[in-house]
Amino acid sequence: MMILSGEFIGFLPDHYADKWVKDGMLRSIKPRTYTFKSLHNIAYRESDAERPVIKAFRQCLPKLLQ
């Protein structure tokens, strides 16, 4: 809300800000300078590795983080 007011700047993940960028309400400032990548890990018991919910989550996570 504060960033969209036009009085503040801030950092938003690209996937979160995309709608406002497409609508012309936000723009990137030096996107090659102000960027970062984050590493995501999941933890689960080895004995649960074959559970359908764990397998599905492991398959979906990389797609969600693109």
Protein backbone atom coordinates (compact mmCIF):
# COMPACT_ATOMS: atom_id res chain seq x y z
CA MET A 1 0.00 0.00 0.00
CA MET A 2 2.80 2.40 0.88
CA ILE A 3 4.73 1.64 -2.32
CA LEU A 4 1.60 2.01 -4.45
CA SER A 5 0.97 5.44 -2.89
CA GLY A 6 3.88 6.83 -4.93
CA GLU A 7 5.54 8.31 -1.84
CA PHE A 8 7.76 5.33 -0.98
CA ILE A 9 10.03 2.86 -2.69
CA GLY A 10 10.55 -0.74 -1.67
CA PHE A 11 11.56 -4.18 -2.80
CA LEU A 12 8.92 -6.62 -4.02
CA PRO A 13 9.49 -10.00 -5.65
CA ASP A 14 8.91 -9.88 -9.41
CA HIS A 15 6.09 -12.41 -9.32
CA TYR A 16 4.29 -10.35 -6.69
CA ALA A 17 4.70 -6.97 -8.42
CA ASP A 18 4.01 -8.16 -11.99
CA LYS A 19 0.36 -7.11 -12.05
CA TRP A 20 1.15 -3.55 -10.98
CA VAL A 21 4.09 -3.33 -13.37
CA LYS A 22 1.87 -4.47 -16.26
CA ASP A 23 -0.78 -1.94 -15.20
CA GLY A 24 1.87 0.83 -15.18
CA MET A 25 1.48 1.47 -11.46
CA LEU A 26 5.01 0.29 -10.53
CA ARG A 27 8.35 0.12 -12.27
CA SER A 28 11.70 -1.41 -11.47
CA ILE A 29 14.57 0.78 -10.35
CA LYS A 30 17.93 -0.62 -11.50
CA PRO A 31 16.72 -4.23 -11.60
CA ARG A 32 20.24 -5.54 -12.36
CA THR A 33 21.60 -3.81 -9.28
CA TYR A 34 18.78 -4.39 -6.81
CA THR A 35 18.01 -8.08 -7.05
CA PHE A 36 18.61 -11.26 -5.14
CA LYS A 37 17.98 -14.95 -5.33
CA SER A 38 16.95 -17.01 -2.36
CA LEU A 39 17.48 -20.67 -1.70
CA HIS A 40 14.49 -22.68 -0.53
CA ASN A 41 14.72 -26.06 1.15
CA ILE A 42 12.16 -28.50 2.42
CA ALA A 43 12.60 -30.99 5.22
CA TYR A 44 10.80 -34.27 5.61
CA ARG A 45 11.47 -37.65 7.13
CA GLU A 46 13.18 -40.08 4.78
CA SER A 47 10.51 -42.60 5.69
CA ASP A 48 7.87 -40.17 4.33
CA ALA A 49 9.60 -39.61 0.97
CA GLU A 50 7.17 -41.85 -0.91
CA ARG A 51 3.99 -40.41 0.59
CA PRO A 52 1.88 -38.90 -2.20
CA VAL A 53 1.62 -35.49 -0.57
CA ILE A 54 5.41 -35.28 -0.10
CA LYS A 55 6.08 -36.44 -3.65
CA ALA A 56 3.59 -33.92 -5.06
CA PHE A 57 5.05 -31.07 -3.03
CA ARG A 58 8.61 -31.96 -4.11
CA GLN A 59 7.50 -31.94 -7.76
CA CYS A 60 5.56 -28.65 -7.48
CA LEU A 61 8.03 -26.60 -5.45
CA PRO A 62 10.53 -25.85 -8.27
CA LYS A 63 7.67 -24.71 -10.51
CA LEU A 64 6.30 -22.43 -7.80
CA LEU A 65 9.67 -20.75 -7.31
CA GLN A 66 10.33 -19.91 -10.97
